[in-house]
Amino acid sequence: MRKILVVTFALTAAIIMLVAFTGCGGSKVPERLVGEWQCADLASDGYTDTSFYALTIETDGTFSLYDIAAGNPGISGTMKGDDTGKLGILELTCNEDDFDPPVCWAKMQKNSRVRYKIMDENTIRLGYVGIWLTFTK
């Protein structure tokens, strides 16, 4: 009986320590990225039209980058990343259905890493393999 009690206590302590050191739910989306954003006319490559994209990011990390002109989905799913200040990396997990990334991000996978830059309170940039999309509120 005592052995079962010791094992149960040790297991409970290990779980509590794991939660304490990693946090419940892990990292989340940086607060300054949350909101509704409109994409600039062109991607940083200088010729890919991105004027029709809108981006919505929720506090729980769900996001949607979609074509507002045609109503077509682009990519959606969840994102998470530590708030490291004005720049950092987001881990995207995109939904399986309607996965259609911007043309300039054509090699994007459903699980990808995207860089972010917070330019100011009304402007952010998301970059994938060196091509940046600029968004304003």
N, C-alpha and C. Protein backbone atom coordinates (compact mmCIF):
# COMPACT_ATOMS: atom_id res chain seq x y z
N MET A 1 0.82 -1.19 0.00
CA MET A 1 0.00 0.00 0.00
C MET A 1 0.86 1.26 0.00
N ARG A 2 1.91 1.21 0.85
CA ARG A 2 2.79 2.38 0.93
C ARG A 2 3.49 2.63 -0.40
N LYS A 3 3.89 1.56 -1.10
CA LYS A 3 4.57 1.69 -2.39
C LYS A 3 3.65 2.36 -3.43
N ILE A 4 2.38 2.01 -3.45
CA ILE A 4 1.42 2.61 -4.38
C ILE A 4 1.24 4.08 -4.07
N LEU A 5 1.19 4.41 -2.79
CA LEU A 5 1.05 5.81 -2.37
C LEU A 5 2.26 6.64 -2.79
N VAL A 6 3.46 6.10 -2.62
CA VAL A 6 4.69 6.81 -3.01
C VAL A 6 4.73 7.01 -4.53
N VAL A 7 4.39 6.00 -5.29
CA VAL A 7 4.39 6.10 -6.76
C VAL A 7 3.34 7.12 -7.21
N THR A 8 2.17 7.10 -6.61
CA THR A 8 1.12 8.05 -6.96
C THR A 8 1.56 9.48 -6.65
N PHE A 9 2.18 9.68 -5.49
CA PHE A 9 2.67 10.99 -5.11
C PHE A 9 3.75 11.48 -6.08
N ALA A 10 4.69 10.61 -6.44
CA ALA A 10 5.77 10.97 -7.35
C ALA A 10 5.23 11.32 -8.73
N LEU A 11 4.28 10.57 -9.21
CA LEU A 11 3.67 10.83 -10.51
C LEU A 11 2.92 12.16 -10.50
N THR A 12 2.17 12.41 -9.45
CA THR A 12 1.43 13.67 -9.31
C THR A 12 2.41 14.85 -9.25
N ALA A 13 3.48 14.73 -8.51
CA ALA A 13 4.49 15.79 -8.42
C ALA A 13 5.13 16.05 -9.78
N ALA A 14 5.42 15.00 -10.52
CA ALA A 14 6.03 15.15 -11.84
C ALA A 14 5.09 15.89 -12.79
N ILE A 15 3.82 15.58 -12.75
CA ILE A 15 2.84 16.25 -13.62
C ILE A 15 2.72 17.72 -13.23
N ILE A 16 2.67 18.01 -11.96
CA ILE A 16 2.59 19.41 -11.50
C ILE A 16 3.82 20.19 -11.94
N MET A 17 4.99 19.61 -11.82
CA MET A 17 6.22 20.29 -12.25
C MET A 17 6.23 20.51 -13.76
N LEU A 18 5.77 19.53 -14.50
CA LEU A 18 5.73 19.67 -15.96
C LEU A 18 4.82 20.82 -16.37
N VAL A 19 3.65 20.91 -15.77
CA VAL A 19 2.72 22.01 -16.06
C VAL A 19 3.31 23.34 -15.61
N ALA A 20 3.95 23.37 -14.48
CA ALA A 20 4.53 24.62 -13.96
C ALA A 20 5.64 25.15 -14.87
N PHE A 21 6.47 24.26 -15.39
CA PHE A 21 7.59 24.71 -16.21
C PHE A 21 7.22 24.96 -17.67
N THR A 22 6.22 24.28 -18.19
CA THR A 22 5.85 24.48 -19.60
C THR A 22 4.63 25.36 -19.74
N GLY A 23 3.85 25.51 -18.70
CA GLY A 23 2.64 26.32 -18.78
C GLY A 23 1.50 25.51 -19.36
N CYS A 24 0.30 25.85 -18.98
CA CYS A 24 -0.87 25.16 -19.51
C CYS A 24 -1.08 25.57 -20.96
N GLY A 25 -1.11 24.62 -21.84
CA GLY A 25 -1.39 24.90 -23.24
C GLY A 25 -0.19 25.37 -24.03
N GLY A 26 0.97 25.54 -23.41
CA GLY A 26 2.16 25.95 -24.15
C GLY A 26 2.08 27.39 -24.59
N SER A 27 2.88 27.73 -25.60
CA SER A 27 2.91 29.11 -26.07
C SER A 27 1.63 29.44 -26.83
N LYS A 28 1.37 30.73 -26.96
CA LYS A 28 0.17 31.17 -27.64
C LYS A 28 0.54 32.26 -28.63
N VAL A 29 -0.43 32.81 -29.27
CA VAL A 29 -0.17 33.86 -30.25
C VAL A 29 0.16 35.17 -29.53
N PRO A 30 1.18 35.90 -30.00
CA PRO A 30 1.48 37.20 -29.40
C PRO A 30 0.28 38.14 -29.48
N GLU A 31 -0.02 38.78 -28.37
CA GLU A 31 -1.23 39.62 -28.26
C GLU A 31 -1.30 40.72 -29.32
N ARG A 32 -0.16 41.29 -29.68
CA ARG A 32 -0.17 42.39 -30.65
C ARG A 32 -0.47 41.96 -32.08
N LEU A 33 -0.56 40.64 -32.33
CA LEU A 33 -0.94 40.14 -33.65
C LEU A 33 -2.45 39.93 -33.76
N VAL A 34 -3.14 39.90 -32.64
CA VAL A 34 -4.57 39.62 -32.62
C VAL A 34 -5.33 40.77 -33.28
N GLY A 35 -6.30 40.42 -34.15
CA GLY A 35 -7.14 41.43 -34.78
C GLY A 35 -7.46 41.09 -36.22
N GLU A 36 -8.04 42.06 -36.89
CA GLU A 36 -8.39 41.92 -38.30
C GLU A 36 -7.47 42.81 -39.11
N TRP A 37 -6.86 42.23 -40.14
CA TRP A 37 -5.81 42.89 -40.91
C TRP A 37 -6.12 42.83 -42.40
N GLN A 38 -5.74 43.87 -43.12
CA GLN A 38 -5.87 43.93 -44.57
C GLN A 38 -4.47 43.90 -45.18
N CYS A 39 -4.27 43.07 -46.18
CA CYS A 39 -2.96 42.92 -46.79
C CYS A 39 -2.65 44.06 -47.76
N ALA A 40 -1.38 44.43 -47.85
CA ALA A 40 -0.92 45.46 -48.79
C ALA A 40 -1.08 44.95 -50.22
N ASP A 41 -0.95 45.86 -51.16
CA ASP A 41 -1.17 45.53 -52.58
C ASP A 41 -0.22 44.46 -53.11
N LEU A 42 1.05 44.50 -52.71
CA LEU A 42 2.04 43.57 -53.24
C LEU A 42 2.83 42.91 -52.11
N ALA A 43 3.25 41.67 -52.37
CA ALA A 43 4.17 40.99 -51.47
C ALA A 43 5.55 41.63 -51.63
N SER A 44 6.47 41.27 -50.76
CA SER A 44 7.81 41.86 -50.81
C SER A 44 8.59 41.49 -52.06
N ASP A 45 8.11 40.50 -52.82
CA ASP A 45 8.80 40.16 -54.07
C ASP A 45 8.58 41.22 -55.16
N GLY A 46 7.64 42.15 -54.90
CA GLY A 46 7.40 43.27 -55.79
C GLY A 46 6.43 43.03 -56.93
N TYR A 47 5.94 41.81 -57.09
CA TYR A 47 5.01 41.57 -58.20
C TYR A 47 3.82 40.68 -57.86
N THR A 48 3.81 39.97 -56.74
CA THR A 48 2.66 39.13 -56.39
C THR A 48 1.56 39.99 -55.78
N ASP A 49 0.40 40.01 -56.44
CA ASP A 49 -0.75 40.77 -55.95
C ASP A 49 -1.30 40.09 -54.70
N THR A 50 -1.34 40.85 -53.61
CA THR A 50 -1.88 40.33 -52.35
C THR A 50 -2.96 41.25 -51.79
N SER A 51 -3.41 42.19 -52.60
CA SER A 51 -4.37 43.21 -52.15
C SER A 51 -5.72 42.63 -51.72
N PHE A 52 -6.02 41.44 -52.16
CA PHE A 52 -7.33 40.83 -51.89
C PHE A 52 -7.34 39.96 -50.64
N TYR A 53 -6.23 39.87 -49.92
CA TYR A 53 -6.17 39.04 -48.73
C TYR A 53 -6.55 39.81 -47.47
N ALA A 54 -7.27 39.14 -46.60
CA ALA A 54 -7.56 39.63 -45.26
C ALA A 54 -7.08 38.57 -44.28
N LEU A 55 -6.65 39.00 -43.13
CA LEU A 55 -6.14 38.10 -42.10
C LEU A 55 -6.87 38.38 -40.80
N THR A 56 -7.38 37.34 -40.20
CA THR A 56 -8.00 37.44 -38.88
C THR A 56 -7.25 36.52 -37.93
N ILE A 57 -6.83 37.08 -36.80
CA ILE A 57 -6.14 36.30 -35.77
C ILE A 57 -6.89 36.49 -34.46
N GLU A 58 -7.31 35.38 -33.86
CA GLU A 58 -8.03 35.40 -32.59
C GLU A 58 -7.07 35.18 -31.42
N THR A 59 -7.51 35.55 -30.22
CA THR A 59 -6.66 35.41 -29.03
C THR A 59 -6.29 33.96 -28.73
N ASP A 60 -7.13 33.01 -29.14
CA ASP A 60 -6.83 31.60 -28.89
C ASP A 60 -5.88 31.01 -29.94
N GLY A 61 -5.45 31.84 -30.91
CA GLY A 61 -4.50 31.39 -31.92
C GLY A 61 -5.13 30.93 -33.22
N THR A 62 -6.45 30.87 -33.29
CA THR A 62 -7.05 30.52 -34.57
C THR A 62 -6.86 31.69 -35.53
N PHE A 63 -6.64 31.35 -36.80
CA PHE A 63 -6.42 32.38 -37.79
C PHE A 63 -7.04 31.98 -39.12
N SER A 64 -7.24 32.98 -39.96
CA SER A 64 -7.72 32.75 -41.32
C SER A 64 -7.13 33.82 -42.21
N LEU A 65 -6.43 33.40 -43.26
CA LEU A 65 -5.92 34.28 -44.31
C LEU A 65 -6.72 33.91 -45.54
N TYR A 66 -7.61 34.81 -45.97
CA TYR A 66 -8.53 34.43 -47.03
C TYR A 66 -8.68 35.54 -48.06
N ASP A 67 -9.22 35.17 -49.21
CA ASP A 67 -9.46 36.06 -50.34
C ASP A 67 -10.80 36.75 -50.13
N ILE A 68 -10.76 38.05 -49.78
CA ILE A 68 -12.01 38.77 -49.50
C ILE A 68 -12.76 39.13 -50.78
N ALA A 69 -12.07 39.20 -51.90
CA ALA A 69 -12.73 39.55 -53.16
C ALA A 69 -13.61 38.41 -53.66
N ALA A 70 -13.08 37.20 -53.64
CA ALA A 70 -13.82 36.04 -54.15
C ALA A 70 -14.47 35.21 -53.04
N GLY A 71 -14.09 35.50 -51.80
CA GLY A 71 -14.63 34.72 -50.68
C GLY A 71 -13.98 33.36 -50.54
N ASN A 72 -12.91 33.13 -51.28
CA ASN A 72 -12.23 31.83 -51.23
C ASN A 72 -11.32 31.74 -50.03
N PRO A 73 -11.22 30.56 -49.46
CA PRO A 73 -10.26 30.39 -48.36
C PRO A 73 -8.84 30.40 -48.91
N GLY A 74 -7.92 30.81 -48.08
CA GLY A 74 -6.51 30.73 -48.40
C GLY A 74 -5.93 29.66 -47.50
N ILE A 75 -5.58 30.07 -46.29
CA ILE A 75 -5.14 29.12 -45.27
C ILE A 75 -5.82 29.50 -43.96
N SER A 76 -6.07 28.50 -43.15
CA SER A 76 -6.66 28.74 -41.83
C SER A 76 -6.22 27.62 -40.91
N GLY A 77 -6.35 27.88 -39.63
CA GLY A 77 -5.96 26.87 -38.65
C GLY A 77 -5.61 27.53 -37.35
N THR A 78 -4.50 27.08 -36.75
CA THR A 78 -4.06 27.66 -35.49
C THR A 78 -2.59 28.07 -35.60
N MET A 79 -2.25 29.06 -34.81
CA MET A 79 -0.86 29.51 -34.73
C MET A 79 -0.49 29.68 -33.28
N LYS A 80 0.79 29.50 -33.01
CA LYS A 80 1.30 29.77 -31.68
C LYS A 80 2.75 30.22 -31.80
N GLY A 81 3.15 31.01 -30.85
CA GLY A 81 4.51 31.50 -30.82
C GLY A 81 4.70 32.38 -29.61
N ASP A 82 5.89 32.39 -29.10
CA ASP A 82 6.18 33.21 -27.94
C ASP A 82 6.25 34.68 -28.33
N ASP A 83 5.79 35.53 -27.44
CA ASP A 83 5.87 36.97 -27.67
C ASP A 83 7.28 37.42 -27.33
N THR A 84 8.09 37.57 -28.36
CA THR A 84 9.50 37.92 -28.17
C THR A 84 9.75 39.39 -28.43
N GLY A 85 8.71 40.17 -28.52
CA GLY A 85 8.86 41.59 -28.80
C GLY A 85 8.33 41.91 -30.18
N LYS A 86 9.16 42.54 -30.98
CA LYS A 86 8.70 42.99 -32.29
C LYS A 86 8.92 41.98 -33.40
N LEU A 87 9.65 40.91 -33.15
CA LEU A 87 9.81 39.89 -34.17
C LEU A 87 9.95 38.53 -33.53
N GLY A 88 9.58 37.52 -34.30
CA GLY A 88 9.61 36.17 -33.78
C GLY A 88 9.15 35.18 -34.81
N ILE A 89 8.87 33.97 -34.36
CA ILE A 89 8.45 32.88 -35.24
C ILE A 89 7.12 32.33 -34.75
N LEU A 90 6.22 32.08 -35.70
CA LEU A 90 4.93 31.46 -35.43
C LEU A 90 4.92 30.06 -36.01
N GLU A 91 4.39 29.14 -35.25
CA GLU A 91 4.18 27.77 -35.72
C GLU A 91 2.75 27.68 -36.22
N LEU A 92 2.56 27.44 -37.52
CA LEU A 92 1.22 27.34 -38.09
C LEU A 92 0.84 25.88 -38.27
N THR A 93 -0.38 25.56 -37.89
CA THR A 93 -0.97 24.26 -38.17
C THR A 93 -2.24 24.55 -38.95
N CYS A 94 -2.17 24.34 -40.26
CA CYS A 94 -3.28 24.70 -41.14
C CYS A 94 -4.27 23.55 -41.27
N ASN A 95 -5.52 23.92 -41.48
CA ASN A 95 -6.56 22.94 -41.70
C ASN A 95 -6.30 22.19 -43.00
N GLU A 96 -6.72 20.95 -43.04
CA GLU A 96 -6.51 20.10 -44.21
C GLU A 96 -7.32 20.55 -45.43
N ASP A 97 -8.57 20.95 -45.20
CA ASP A 97 -9.44 21.31 -46.32
C ASP A 97 -9.18 22.76 -46.74
N ASP A 98 -9.34 23.02 -48.01
CA ASP A 98 -9.20 24.37 -48.58
C ASP A 98 -7.84 24.99 -48.27
N PHE A 99 -6.78 24.22 -48.33
CA PHE A 99 -5.44 24.73 -48.10
C PHE A 99 -4.92 25.32 -49.39
N ASP A 100 -4.88 26.65 -49.46
CA ASP A 100 -4.47 27.36 -50.68
C ASP A 100 -3.64 28.58 -50.29
N PRO A 101 -2.35 28.38 -49.99
CA PRO A 101 -1.52 29.50 -49.56
C PRO A 101 -1.32 30.51 -50.69
N PRO A 102 -0.92 31.74 -50.35
CA PRO A 102 -0.62 32.72 -51.39
C PRO A 102 0.41 32.16 -52.38
N VAL A 103 0.32 32.58 -53.63
CA VAL A 103 1.19 32.08 -54.69
C VAL A 103 2.66 32.24 -54.32
N CYS A 104 3.00 33.36 -53.70
CA CYS A 104 4.40 33.60 -53.33
C CYS A 104 4.86 32.71 -52.18
N TRP A 105 3.94 32.03 -51.52
CA TRP A 105 4.25 31.06 -50.47
C TRP A 105 3.90 29.65 -50.94
N ALA A 106 4.00 29.39 -52.23
CA ALA A 106 3.52 28.15 -52.83
C ALA A 106 4.10 26.88 -52.21
N LYS A 107 5.30 26.94 -51.68
CA LYS A 107 5.93 25.74 -51.11
C LYS A 107 5.53 25.50 -49.66
N MET A 108 4.64 26.35 -49.13
CA MET A 108 4.20 26.21 -47.74
C MET A 108 3.54 24.86 -47.52
N GLN A 109 3.86 24.27 -46.38
CA GLN A 109 3.24 23.02 -45.96
C GLN A 109 2.15 23.31 -44.94
N LYS A 110 1.33 22.32 -44.64
CA LYS A 110 0.25 22.52 -43.68
C LYS A 110 0.76 22.78 -42.27
N ASN A 111 1.95 22.31 -41.97
CA ASN A 111 2.64 22.64 -40.70
C ASN A 111 3.89 23.40 -41.09
N SER A 112 3.87 24.70 -40.85
CA SER A 112 4.98 25.55 -41.28
C SER A 112 5.35 26.56 -40.21
N ARG A 113 6.54 27.09 -40.36
CA ARG A 113 7.02 28.17 -39.49
C ARG A 113 7.02 29.45 -40.32
N VAL A 114 6.45 30.50 -39.75
CA VAL A 114 6.36 31.80 -40.40
C VAL A 114 6.97 32.83 -39.47
N ARG A 115 7.76 33.72 -40.03
CA ARG A 115 8.32 34.81 -39.23
C ARG A 115 7.30 35.93 -39.13
N TYR A 116 7.35 36.67 -38.02
CA TYR A 116 6.51 37.86 -37.91
C TYR A 116 7.36 39.04 -37.47
N LYS A 117 6.94 40.23 -37.92
CA LYS A 117 7.54 41.49 -37.49
C LYS A 117 6.40 42.43 -37.16
N ILE A 118 6.48 43.05 -36.01
CA ILE A 118 5.50 44.07 -35.63
C ILE A 118 6.15 45.41 -35.94
N MET A 119 5.65 46.06 -36.97
CA MET A 119 6.24 47.32 -37.42
C MET A 119 5.81 48.47 -36.50
N ASP A 120 4.52 48.52 -36.19
CA ASP A 120 3.94 49.46 -35.23
C ASP A 120 2.59 48.90 -34.82
N GLU A 121 1.80 49.64 -34.07
CA GLU A 121 0.54 49.09 -33.55
C GLU A 121 -0.47 48.78 -34.64
N ASN A 122 -0.29 49.33 -35.84
CA ASN A 122 -1.25 49.11 -36.93
C ASN A 122 -0.66 48.39 -38.13
N THR A 123 0.59 47.93 -38.04
CA THR A 123 1.22 47.27 -39.18
C THR A 123 2.04 46.07 -38.71
N ILE A 124 1.81 44.92 -39.36
CA ILE A 124 2.59 43.72 -39.10
C ILE A 124 3.04 43.13 -40.43
N ARG A 125 4.04 42.29 -40.37
CA ARG A 125 4.51 41.57 -41.55
C ARG A 125 4.65 40.10 -41.18
N LEU A 126 4.24 39.24 -42.12
CA LEU A 126 4.44 37.80 -41.97
C LEU A 126 5.31 37.34 -43.13
N GLY A 127 6.33 36.56 -42.83
CA GLY A 127 7.24 36.12 -43.87
C GLY A 127 7.42 34.63 -43.91
N TYR A 128 7.45 34.11 -45.12
CA TYR A 128 7.71 32.69 -45.34
C TYR A 128 8.76 32.58 -46.44
N VAL A 129 9.82 31.86 -46.18
CA VAL A 129 10.97 31.70 -47.07
C VAL A 129 11.38 32.99 -47.78
N GLY A 130 11.49 34.06 -47.00
CA GLY A 130 12.00 35.32 -47.52
C GLY A 130 11.00 36.22 -48.22
N ILE A 131 9.76 35.81 -48.35
CA ILE A 131 8.72 36.64 -48.96
C ILE A 131 7.78 37.10 -47.86
N TRP A 132 7.64 38.43 -47.75
CA TRP A 132 6.85 39.02 -46.68
C TRP A 132 5.53 39.58 -47.20
N LEU A 133 4.47 39.38 -46.41
CA LEU A 133 3.18 40.01 -46.64
C LEU A 133 3.01 41.06 -45.54
N THR A 134 2.61 42.26 -45.93
CA THR A 134 2.43 43.36 -44.99
C THR A 134 0.95 43.58 -44.77
N PHE A 135 0.55 43.72 -43.51
CA PHE A 135 -0.86 43.89 -43.13
C PHE A 135 -1.04 45.13 -42.29
N THR A 136 -2.17 45.80 -42.49
CA THR A 136 -2.53 46.95 -41.66
C THR A 136 -3.92 46.71 -41.08
N LYS A 137 -4.16 47.33 -39.92
CA LYS A 137 -5.48 47.20 -39.27
C LYS A 137 -6.46 48.11 -39.95
